[in-house]
Amino acid sequence: GVSLLLIEHQMDMISRLCDHVVVMAEGRRLVEGTFAEL
C-alpha cells in the first residue's frame, strides 16, 4: 500500500519496476507512458 516516485538512471531498474514512467527534459515534463512506449 505504499506508493513510490522513483528517480533512477539505470534503465533496467526502471523497466523492471515501474508501472508508469514520466520523462523530464529542460525543467518540464516531456512525455509519459509505459517504459516500452517511451
PDB file of all heavy atoms in Angstrom:
ATOM      1  N   GLY A   1       0.766  -1.237   0.000  1.00  0.00           N
ATOM      2  CA  GLY A   1       0.000   0.000   0.000  1.00  0.00           C
ATOM      3  C   GLY A   1       0.793   1.282   0.000  1.00  0.00           C
ATOM      4  O   GLY A   1       0.209   2.373   0.067  1.00  0.00           O
ATOM      5  N   VAL A   2       2.135   1.198  -0.071  1.00  0.00           N
ATOM      6  CA  VAL A   2       2.965   2.402  -0.135  1.00  0.00           C
ATOM      7  C   VAL A   2       3.242   2.718  -1.600  1.00  0.00           C
ATOM      8  O   VAL A   2       3.676   1.851  -2.348  1.00  0.00           O
ATOM      9  CB  VAL A   2       4.301   2.213   0.619  1.00  0.00           C
ATOM     10  CG1 VAL A   2       5.150   3.481   0.520  1.00  0.00           C
ATOM     11  CG2 VAL A   2       4.047   1.855   2.070  1.00  0.00           C
ATOM     12  N   SER A   3       2.993   3.949  -2.023  1.00  0.00           N
ATOM     13  CA  SER A   3       3.262   4.360  -3.399  1.00  0.00           C
ATOM     14  C   SER A   3       4.662   4.942  -3.496  1.00  0.00           C
ATOM     15  O   SER A   3       5.193   5.475  -2.521  1.00  0.00           O
ATOM     16  CB  SER A   3       2.225   5.389  -3.847  1.00  0.00           C
ATOM     17  OG  SER A   3       0.910   4.868  -3.725  1.00  0.00           O
ATOM     18  N   LEU A   4       5.257   4.850  -4.697  1.00  0.00           N
ATOM     19  CA  LEU A   4       6.642   5.290  -4.883  1.00  0.00           C
ATOM     20  C   LEU A   4       6.769   6.148  -6.129  1.00  0.00           C
ATOM     21  O   LEU A   4       6.172   5.848  -7.169  1.00  0.00           O
ATOM     22  CB  LEU A   4       7.575   4.079  -5.024  1.00  0.00           C
ATOM     23  CG  LEU A   4       7.558   3.020  -3.909  1.00  0.00           C
ATOM     24  CD1 LEU A   4       8.465   1.858  -4.299  1.00  0.00           C
ATOM     25  CD2 LEU A   4       7.989   3.623  -2.583  1.00  0.00           C
ATOM     26  N   LEU A   5       7.557   7.225  -5.996  1.00  0.00           N
ATOM     27  CA  LEU A   5       8.004   8.021  -7.141  1.00  0.00           C
ATOM     28  C   LEU A   5       9.519   7.920  -7.148  1.00  0.00           C
ATOM     29  O   LEU A   5      10.179   8.305  -6.180  1.00  0.00           O
ATOM     30  CB  LEU A   5       7.543   9.468  -7.023  1.00  0.00           C
ATOM     31  CG  LEU A   5       8.001  10.422  -8.140  1.00  0.00           C
ATOM     32  CD1 LEU A   5       7.494   9.947  -9.505  1.00  0.00           C
ATOM     33  CD2 LEU A   5       7.519  11.849  -7.872  1.00  0.00           C
ATOM     34  N   LEU A   6      10.073   7.411  -8.229  1.00  0.00           N
ATOM     35  CA  LEU A   6      11.455   6.931  -8.245  1.00  0.00           C
ATOM     36  C   LEU A   6      12.274   7.626  -9.328  1.00  0.00           C
ATOM     37  O   LEU A   6      11.922   7.566 -10.503  1.00  0.00           O
ATOM     38  CB  LEU A   6      11.427   5.414  -8.489  1.00  0.00           C
ATOM     39  CG  LEU A   6      12.699   4.684  -8.874  1.00  0.00           C
ATOM     40  CD1 LEU A   6      13.622   4.600  -7.672  1.00  0.00           C
ATOM     41  CD2 LEU A   6      12.373   3.283  -9.368  1.00  0.00           C
ATOM     42  N   ILE A   7      13.349   8.315  -8.928  1.00  0.00           N
ATOM     43  CA  ILE A   7      14.351   8.792  -9.871  1.00  0.00           C
ATOM     44  C   ILE A   7      15.429   7.717  -9.991  1.00  0.00           C
ATOM     45  O   ILE A   7      15.950   7.237  -8.987  1.00  0.00           O
ATOM     46  CB  ILE A   7      15.016  10.101  -9.393  1.00  0.00           C
ATOM     47  CG1 ILE A   7      14.016  11.253  -9.361  1.00  0.00           C
ATOM     48  CG2 ILE A   7      16.188  10.474 -10.299  1.00  0.00           C
ATOM     49  CD1 ILE A   7      14.594  12.528  -8.767  1.00  0.00           C
ATOM     50  N   GLU A   8      15.746   7.343 -11.214  1.00  0.00           N
ATOM     51  CA  GLU A   8      16.793   6.343 -11.397  1.00  0.00           C
ATOM     52  C   GLU A   8      17.361   6.467 -12.803  1.00  0.00           C
ATOM     53  O   GLU A   8      16.621   6.696 -13.768  1.00  0.00           O
ATOM     54  CB  GLU A   8      16.231   4.929 -11.176  1.00  0.00           C
ATOM     55  CG  GLU A   8      17.269   3.834 -11.186  1.00  0.00           C
ATOM     56  CD  GLU A   8      18.433   4.123 -10.249  1.00  0.00           C
ATOM     57  OE1 GLU A   8      18.227   4.185  -9.032  1.00  0.00           O
ATOM     58  OE2 GLU A   8      19.556   4.303 -10.767  1.00  0.00           O
ATOM     59  N   HIS A   9      18.699   6.325 -12.924  1.00  0.00           N
ATOM     60  CA  HIS A   9      19.351   6.384 -14.222  1.00  0.00           C
ATOM     61  C   HIS A   9      19.604   4.998 -14.801  1.00  0.00           C
ATOM     62  O   HIS A   9      19.973   4.893 -15.982  1.00  0.00           O
ATOM     63  CB  HIS A   9      20.669   7.153 -14.117  1.00  0.00           C
ATOM     64  CG  HIS A   9      20.483   8.628 -13.958  1.00  0.00           C
ATOM     65  ND1 HIS A   9      20.023   9.438 -14.969  1.00  0.00           N
ATOM     66  CD2 HIS A   9      20.673   9.448 -12.895  1.00  0.00           C
ATOM     67  CE1 HIS A   9      19.945  10.683 -14.550  1.00  0.00           C
ATOM     68  NE2 HIS A   9      20.331  10.718 -13.294  1.00  0.00           N
ATOM     69  N   GLN A  10      19.436   3.948 -14.000  1.00  0.00           N
ATOM     70  CA  GLN A  10      19.623   2.591 -14.507  1.00  0.00           C
ATOM     71  C   GLN A  10      18.317   2.145 -15.161  1.00  0.00           C
ATOM     72  O   GLN A  10      17.331   1.812 -14.494  1.00  0.00           O
ATOM     73  CB  GLN A  10      20.017   1.648 -13.376  1.00  0.00           C
ATOM     74  CG  GLN A  10      21.375   1.961 -12.769  1.00  0.00           C
ATOM     75  CD  GLN A  10      21.858   0.887 -11.822  1.00  0.00           C
ATOM     76  OE1 GLN A  10      21.477  -0.279 -11.936  1.00  0.00           O
ATOM     77  NE2 GLN A  10      22.722   1.263 -10.884  1.00  0.00           N
ATOM     78  N   MET A  11      18.316   2.119 -16.485  1.00  0.00           N
ATOM     79  CA  MET A  11      17.085   1.856 -17.218  1.00  0.00           C
ATOM     80  C   MET A  11      16.569   0.431 -17.028  1.00  0.00           C
ATOM     81  O   MET A  11      15.368   0.189 -17.131  1.00  0.00           O
ATOM     82  CB  MET A  11      17.283   2.138 -18.708  1.00  0.00           C
ATOM     83  CG  MET A  11      17.484   3.617 -19.033  1.00  0.00           C
ATOM     84  SD  MET A  11      16.062   4.652 -18.596  1.00  0.00           S
ATOM     85  CE  MET A  11      16.689   5.483 -17.110  1.00  0.00           C
ATOM     86  N   ASP A  12      17.469  -0.506 -16.741  1.00  0.00           N
ATOM     87  CA  ASP A  12      16.970  -1.862 -16.489  1.00  0.00           C
ATOM     88  C   ASP A  12      16.139  -1.899 -15.220  1.00  0.00           C
ATOM     89  O   ASP A  12      15.134  -2.622 -15.137  1.00  0.00           O
ATOM     90  CB  ASP A  12      18.123  -2.865 -16.411  1.00  0.00           C
ATOM     91  CG  ASP A  12      19.139  -2.526 -15.329  1.00  0.00           C
ATOM     92  OD1 ASP A  12      19.244  -1.330 -14.968  1.00  0.00           O
ATOM     93  OD2 ASP A  12      19.811  -3.449 -14.826  1.00  0.00           O
ATOM     94  N   MET A  13      16.522  -1.108 -14.224  1.00  0.00           N
ATOM     95  CA  MET A  13      15.754  -0.995 -12.986  1.00  0.00           C
ATOM     96  C   MET A  13      14.386  -0.364 -13.266  1.00  0.00           C
ATOM     97  O   MET A  13      13.348  -0.832 -12.780  1.00  0.00           O
ATOM     98  CB  MET A  13      16.535  -0.144 -11.985  1.00  0.00           C
ATOM     99  CG  MET A  13      15.877   0.040 -10.634  1.00  0.00           C
ATOM    100  SD  MET A  13      16.237  -1.330  -9.551  1.00  0.00           S
ATOM    101  CE  MET A  13      15.759  -0.631  -7.965  1.00  0.00           C
ATOM    102  N   ILE A  14      14.364   0.697 -14.056  1.00  0.00           N
ATOM    103  CA  ILE A  14      13.109   1.354 -14.412  1.00  0.00           C
ATOM    104  C   ILE A  14      12.199   0.388 -15.158  1.00  0.00           C
ATOM    105  O   ILE A  14      10.994   0.291 -14.876  1.00  0.00           O
ATOM    106  CB  ILE A  14      13.389   2.604 -15.269  1.00  0.00           C
ATOM    107  CG1 ILE A  14      14.097   3.683 -14.436  1.00  0.00           C
ATOM    108  CG2 ILE A  14      12.096   3.161 -15.864  1.00  0.00           C
ATOM    109  CD1 ILE A  14      13.240   4.343 -13.389  1.00  0.00           C
ATOM    110  N   SER A  15      12.755  -0.337 -16.114  1.00  0.00           N
ATOM    111  CA  SER A  15      11.936  -1.243 -16.925  1.00  0.00           C
ATOM    112  C   SER A  15      11.350  -2.378 -16.097  1.00  0.00           C
ATOM    113  O   SER A  15      10.224  -2.816 -16.332  1.00  0.00           O
ATOM    114  CB  SER A  15      12.759  -1.803 -18.089  1.00  0.00           C
ATOM    115  OG  SER A  15      13.814  -2.630 -17.622  1.00  0.00           O
ATOM    116  N   ARG A  16      12.119  -2.870 -15.111  1.00  0.00           N
ATOM    117  CA  ARG A  16      11.638  -3.985 -14.289  1.00  0.00           C
ATOM    118  C   ARG A  16      10.592  -3.549 -13.268  1.00  0.00           C
ATOM    119  O   ARG A  16       9.630  -4.264 -13.002  1.00  0.00           O
ATOM    120  CB  ARG A  16      12.807  -4.644 -13.537  1.00  0.00           C
ATOM    121  CG  ARG A  16      13.747  -5.439 -14.396  1.00  0.00           C
ATOM    122  CD  ARG A  16      14.570  -6.405 -13.539  1.00  0.00           C
ATOM    123  NE  ARG A  16      15.122  -5.781 -12.364  1.00  0.00           N
ATOM    124  CZ  ARG A  16      16.326  -5.201 -12.310  1.00  0.00           C
ATOM    125  NH1 ARG A  16      17.075  -5.166 -13.400  1.00  0.00           N
ATOM    126  NH2 ARG A  16      16.776  -4.674 -11.192  1.00  0.00           N
ATOM    127  N   LEU A  17      10.789  -2.356 -12.697  1.00  0.00           N
ATOM    128  CA  LEU A  17       9.994  -1.978 -11.530  1.00  0.00           C
ATOM    129  C   LEU A  17       8.790  -1.097 -11.821  1.00  0.00           C
ATOM    130  O   LEU A  17       7.739  -1.247 -11.183  1.00  0.00           O
ATOM    131  CB  LEU A  17      10.879  -1.246 -10.514  1.00  0.00           C
ATOM    132  CG  LEU A  17      11.809  -2.072  -9.651  1.00  0.00           C
ATOM    133  CD1 LEU A  17      12.556  -1.166  -8.686  1.00  0.00           C
ATOM    134  CD2 LEU A  17      11.045  -3.129  -8.879  1.00  0.00           C
ATOM    135  N   CYS A  18       8.923  -0.172 -12.756  1.00  0.00           N
ATOM    136  CA  CYS A  18       7.955   0.929 -12.832  1.00  0.00           C
ATOM    137  C   CYS A  18       6.710   0.556 -13.626  1.00  0.00           C
ATOM    138  O   CYS A  18       6.789   0.005 -14.729  1.00  0.00           O
ATOM    139  CB  CYS A  18       8.616   2.158 -13.438  1.00  0.00           C
ATOM    140  SG  CYS A  18       9.924   2.827 -12.394  1.00  0.00           S
ATOM    141  N   ASP A  19       5.565   0.904 -13.065  1.00  0.00           N
ATOM    142  CA  ASP A  19       4.291   0.709 -13.750  1.00  0.00           C
ATOM    143  C   ASP A  19       4.041   1.835 -14.748  1.00  0.00           C
ATOM    144  O   ASP A  19       3.322   1.656 -15.736  1.00  0.00           O
ATOM    145  CB  ASP A  19       3.153   0.683 -12.725  1.00  0.00           C
ATOM    146  CG  ASP A  19       3.405  -0.336 -11.625  1.00  0.00           C
ATOM    147  OD1 ASP A  19       3.481  -1.530 -11.952  1.00  0.00           O
ATOM    148  OD2 ASP A  19       3.532   0.058 -10.455  1.00  0.00           O
ATOM    149  N   HIS A  20       4.599   3.008 -14.459  1.00  0.00           N
ATOM    150  CA  HIS A  20       4.385   4.191 -15.302  1.00  0.00           C
ATOM    151  C   HIS A  20       5.653   5.026 -15.210  1.00  0.00           C
ATOM    152  O   HIS A  20       6.308   5.059 -14.164  1.00  0.00           O
ATOM    153  CB  HIS A  20       3.181   4.983 -14.789  1.00  0.00           C
ATOM    154  CG  HIS A  20       2.752   6.099 -15.696  1.00  0.00           C
ATOM    155  ND1 HIS A  20       2.063   5.867 -16.873  1.00  0.00           N
ATOM    156  CD2 HIS A  20       2.909   7.448 -15.614  1.00  0.00           C
ATOM    157  CE1 HIS A  20       1.808   7.025 -17.461  1.00  0.00           C
ATOM    158  NE2 HIS A  20       2.325   7.992 -16.731  1.00  0.00           N
ATOM    159  N   VAL A  21       6.009   5.698 -16.300  1.00  0.00           N
ATOM    160  CA  VAL A  21       7.255   6.459 -16.345  1.00  0.00           C
ATOM    161  C   VAL A  21       6.982   7.849 -16.907  1.00  0.00           C
ATOM    162  O   VAL A  21       6.274   8.003 -17.903  1.00  0.00           O
ATOM    163  CB  VAL A  21       8.328   5.751 -17.206  1.00  0.00           C
ATOM    164  CG1 VAL A  21       9.629   6.544 -17.194  1.00  0.00           C
ATOM    165  CG2 VAL A  21       8.570   4.327 -16.710  1.00  0.00           C
ATOM    166  N   VAL A  22       7.554   8.862 -16.236  1.00  0.00           N
ATOM    167  CA  VAL A  22       7.481  10.249 -16.688  1.00  0.00           C
ATOM    168  C   VAL A  22       8.889  10.686 -17.082  1.00  0.00           C
ATOM    169  O   VAL A  22       9.839  10.483 -16.325  1.00  0.00           O
ATOM    170  CB  VAL A  22       6.934  11.177 -15.582  1.00  0.00           C
ATOM    171  CG1 VAL A  22       6.910  12.628 -16.049  1.00  0.00           C
ATOM    172  CG2 VAL A  22       5.540  10.731 -15.139  1.00  0.00           C
ATOM    173  N   VAL A  23       9.005  11.285 -18.259  1.00  0.00           N
ATOM    174  CA  VAL A  23      10.298  11.784 -18.731  1.00  0.00           C
ATOM    175  C   VAL A  23      10.320  13.298 -18.585  1.00  0.00           C
ATOM    176  O   VAL A  23       9.397  13.992 -19.028  1.00  0.00           O
ATOM    177  CB  VAL A  23      10.544  11.408 -20.210  1.00  0.00           C
ATOM    178  CG1 VAL A  23      11.929  11.895 -20.654  1.00  0.00           C
ATOM    179  CG2 VAL A  23      10.428   9.913 -20.409  1.00  0.00           C
ATOM    180  N   MET A  24      11.377  13.820 -17.937  1.00  0.00           N
ATOM    181  CA  MET A  24      11.582  15.254 -17.842  1.00  0.00           C
ATOM    182  C   MET A  24      12.755  15.675 -18.720  1.00  0.00           C
ATOM    183  O   MET A  24      13.717  14.927 -18.896  1.00  0.00           O
ATOM    184  CB  MET A  24      11.862  15.675 -16.398  1.00  0.00           C
ATOM    185  CG  MET A  24      10.662  15.645 -15.488  1.00  0.00           C
ATOM    186  SD  MET A  24      11.042  16.353 -13.842  1.00  0.00           S
ATOM    187  CE  MET A  24      11.337  18.094 -14.280  1.00  0.00           C
ATOM    188  N   ALA A  25      12.668  16.884 -19.250  1.00  0.00           N
ATOM    189  CA  ALA A  25      13.760  17.482 -20.013  1.00  0.00           C
ATOM    190  C   ALA A  25      13.625  18.990 -19.908  1.00  0.00           C
ATOM    191  O   ALA A  25      12.523  19.531 -20.028  1.00  0.00           O
ATOM    192  CB  ALA A  25      13.724  17.039 -21.470  1.00  0.00           C
ATOM    193  N   GLU A  26      14.735  19.652 -19.642  1.00  0.00           N
ATOM    194  CA  GLU A  26      14.776  21.112 -19.576  1.00  0.00           C
ATOM    195  C   GLU A  26      13.745  21.694 -18.618  1.00  0.00           C
ATOM    196  O   GLU A  26      13.120  22.711 -18.884  1.00  0.00           O
ATOM    197  CB  GLU A  26      14.608  21.710 -20.976  1.00  0.00           C
ATOM    198  CG  GLU A  26      15.709  21.294 -21.939  1.00  0.00           C
ATOM    199  CD  GLU A  26      15.531  21.886 -23.315  1.00  0.00           C
ATOM    200  OE1 GLU A  26      14.450  22.444 -23.608  1.00  0.00           O
ATOM    201  OE2 GLU A  26      16.486  21.803 -24.115  1.00  0.00           O
ATOM    202  N   GLY A  27      13.576  21.004 -17.473  1.00  0.00           N
ATOM    203  CA  GLY A  27      12.755  21.566 -16.406  1.00  0.00           C
ATOM    204  C   GLY A  27      11.276  21.363 -16.521  1.00  0.00           C
ATOM    205  O   GLY A  27      10.500  21.950 -15.749  1.00  0.00           O
ATOM    206  N   ARG A  28      10.837  20.523 -17.445  1.00  0.00           N
ATOM    207  CA  ARG A  28       9.394  20.276 -17.579  1.00  0.00           C
ATOM    208  C   ARG A  28       9.154  18.841 -18.025  1.00  0.00           C
ATOM    209  O   ARG A  28      10.074  18.147 -18.463  1.00  0.00           O
ATOM    210  CB  ARG A  28       8.762  21.250 -18.569  1.00  0.00           C
ATOM    211  CG  ARG A  28       9.367  21.187 -19.963  1.00  0.00           C
ATOM    212  CD  ARG A  28       8.567  22.023 -20.959  1.00  0.00           C
ATOM    213  NE  ARG A  28       8.614  23.425 -20.634  1.00  0.00           N
ATOM    214  CZ  ARG A  28       9.523  24.280 -21.132  1.00  0.00           C
ATOM    215  NH1 ARG A  28      10.464  23.836 -21.958  1.00  0.00           N
ATOM    216  NH2 ARG A  28       9.507  25.557 -20.823  1.00  0.00           N
ATOM    217  N   ARG A  29       7.897  18.407 -17.902  1.00  0.00           N
ATOM    218  CA  ARG A  29       7.553  17.062 -18.373  1.00  0.00           C
ATOM    219  C   ARG A  29       7.606  17.032 -19.892  1.00  0.00           C
ATOM    220  O   ARG A  29       7.035  17.886 -20.564  1.00  0.00           O
ATOM    221  CB  ARG A  29       6.145  16.698 -17.897  1.00  0.00           C
ATOM    222  CG  ARG A  29       5.700  15.295 -18.323  1.00  0.00           C
ATOM    223  CD  ARG A  29       4.236  15.081 -18.029  1.00  0.00           C
ATOM    224  NE  ARG A  29       3.416  16.045 -18.765  1.00  0.00           N
ATOM    225  CZ  ARG A  29       2.116  16.221 -18.575  1.00  0.00           C
ATOM    226  NH1 ARG A  29       1.489  15.539 -17.643  1.00  0.00           N
ATOM    227  NH2 ARG A  29       1.449  17.104 -19.295  1.00  0.00           N
ATOM    228  N   LEU A  30       8.280  16.032 -20.416  1.00  0.00           N
ATOM    229  CA  LEU A  30       8.382  15.863 -21.863  1.00  0.00           C
ATOM    230  C   LEU A  30       7.293  14.929 -22.379  1.00  0.00           C
ATOM    231  O   LEU A  30       6.545  15.263 -23.302  1.00  0.00           O
ATOM    232  CB  LEU A  30       9.770  15.330 -22.220  1.00  0.00           C
ATOM    233  CG  LEU A  30      10.038  15.041 -23.699  1.00  0.00           C
ATOM    234  CD1 LEU A  30       9.993  16.338 -24.507  1.00  0.00           C
ATOM    235  CD2 LEU A  30      11.395  14.361 -23.877  1.00  0.00           C
ATOM    236  N   VAL A  31       7.205  13.754 -21.788  1.00  0.00           N
ATOM    237  CA  VAL A  31       6.241  12.752 -22.224  1.00  0.00           C
ATOM    238  C   VAL A  31       6.125  11.719 -21.115  1.00  0.00           C
ATOM    239  O   VAL A  31       6.983  11.635 -20.222  1.00  0.00           O
ATOM    240  CB  VAL A  31       6.704  12.104 -23.561  1.00  0.00           C
ATOM    241  CG1 VAL A  31       7.979  11.297 -23.349  1.00  0.00           C
ATOM    242  CG2 VAL A  31       5.612  11.257 -24.190  1.00  0.00           C
ATOM    243  N   GLU A  32       5.073  10.917 -21.112  1.00  0.00           N
ATOM    244  CA  GLU A  32       4.927   9.850 -20.116  1.00  0.00           C
ATOM    245  C   GLU A  32       4.223   8.660 -20.734  1.00  0.00           C
ATOM    246  O   GLU A  32       3.595   8.755 -21.792  1.00  0.00           O
ATOM    247  CB  GLU A  32       4.163  10.345 -18.891  1.00  0.00           C
ATOM    248  CG  GLU A  32       2.762  10.854 -19.146  1.00  0.00           C
ATOM    249  CD  GLU A  32       2.126  11.404 -17.880  1.00  0.00           C
ATOM    250  OE1 GLU A  32       1.740  10.586 -17.013  1.00  0.00           O
ATOM    251  OE2 GLU A  32       2.024  12.642 -17.762  1.00  0.00           O
ATOM    252  N   GLY A  33       4.356   7.509 -20.084  1.00  0.00           N
ATOM    253  CA  GLY A  33       3.742   6.282 -20.574  1.00  0.00           C
ATOM    254  C   GLY A  33       4.435   5.085 -19.962  1.00  0.00           C
ATOM    255  O   GLY A  33       5.157   5.198 -18.964  1.00  0.00           O
ATOM    256  N   THR A  34       4.261   3.917 -20.555  1.00  0.00           N
ATOM    257  CA  THR A  34       4.991   2.741 -20.104  1.00  0.00           C
ATOM    258  C   THR A  34       6.429   2.824 -20.590  1.00  0.00           C
ATOM    259  O   THR A  34       6.747   3.566 -21.531  1.00  0.00           O
ATOM    260  CB  THR A  34       4.355   1.446 -20.627  1.00  0.00           C
ATOM    261  OG1 THR A  34       4.499   1.411 -22.064  1.00  0.00           O
ATOM    262  CG2 THR A  34       2.880   1.376 -20.268  1.00  0.00           C
ATOM    263  N   PHE A  35       7.301   2.052 -19.960  1.00  0.00           N
ATOM    264  CA  PHE A  35       8.713   2.084 -20.379  1.00  0.00           C
ATOM    265  C   PHE A  35       8.860   1.641 -21.821  1.00  0.00           C
ATOM    266  O   PHE A  35       9.639   2.229 -22.579  1.00  0.00           O
ATOM    267  CB  PHE A  35       9.549   1.190 -19.460  1.00  0.00           C
ATOM    268  CG  PHE A  35      11.007   1.213 -19.810  1.00  0.00           C
ATOM    269  CD1 PHE A  35      11.825   2.226 -19.337  1.00  0.00           C
ATOM    270  CD2 PHE A  35      11.565   0.235 -20.621  1.00  0.00           C
ATOM    271  CE1 PHE A  35      13.177   2.265 -19.667  1.00  0.00           C
ATOM    272  CE2 PHE A  35      12.915   0.267 -20.963  1.00  0.00           C
ATOM    273  CZ  PHE A  35      13.721   1.290 -20.483  1.00  0.00           C
ATOM    274  N   ALA A  36       8.108   0.628 -22.224  1.00  0.00           N
ATOM    275  CA  ALA A  36       8.207   0.140 -23.601  1.00  0.00           C
ATOM    276  C   ALA A  36       7.813   1.226 -24.595  1.00  0.00           C
ATOM    277  O   ALA A  36       8.448   1.384 -25.646  1.00  0.00           O
ATOM    278  CB  ALA A  36       7.320  -1.095 -23.780  1.00  0.00           C
ATOM    279  N   GLU A  37       6.773   1.976 -24.283  1.00  0.00           N
ATOM    280  CA  GLU A  37       6.352   3.067 -25.169  1.00  0.00           C
ATOM    281  C   GLU A  37       7.417   4.143 -25.269  1.00  0.00           C
ATOM    282  O   GLU A  37       7.713   4.654 -26.357  1.00  0.00           O
ATOM    283  CB  GLU A  37       5.034   3.668 -24.656  1.00  0.00           C
ATOM    284  CG  GLU A  37       3.835   2.737 -24.752  1.00  0.00           C
ATOM    285  CD  GLU A  37       2.627   3.255 -23.994  1.00  0.00           C
ATOM    286  OE1 GLU A  37       2.796   4.179 -23.160  1.00  0.00           O
ATOM    287  OE2 GLU A  37       1.525   2.731 -24.230  1.00  0.00           O
ATOM    288  N   LEU A  38       7.999   4.496 -24.129  1.00  0.00           N
ATOM    289  CA  LEU A  38       8.974   5.585 -24.111  1.00  0.00           C
ATOM    290  C   LEU A  38      10.281   5.193 -24.795  1.00  0.00           C
ATOM    291  O   LEU A  38      10.964   6.039 -25.374  1.00  0.00           O
ATOM    292  CB  LEU A  38       9.239   6.022 -22.677  1.00  0.00           C
ATOM    293  CG  LEU A  38       8.019   6.578 -21.932  1.00  0.00           C
ATOM    294  CD1 LEU A  38       8.391   6.929 -20.500  1.00  0.00           C
ATOM    295  CD2 LEU A  38       7.448   7.790 -22.638  1.00  0.00           C
TER     296      LEU A  38
END
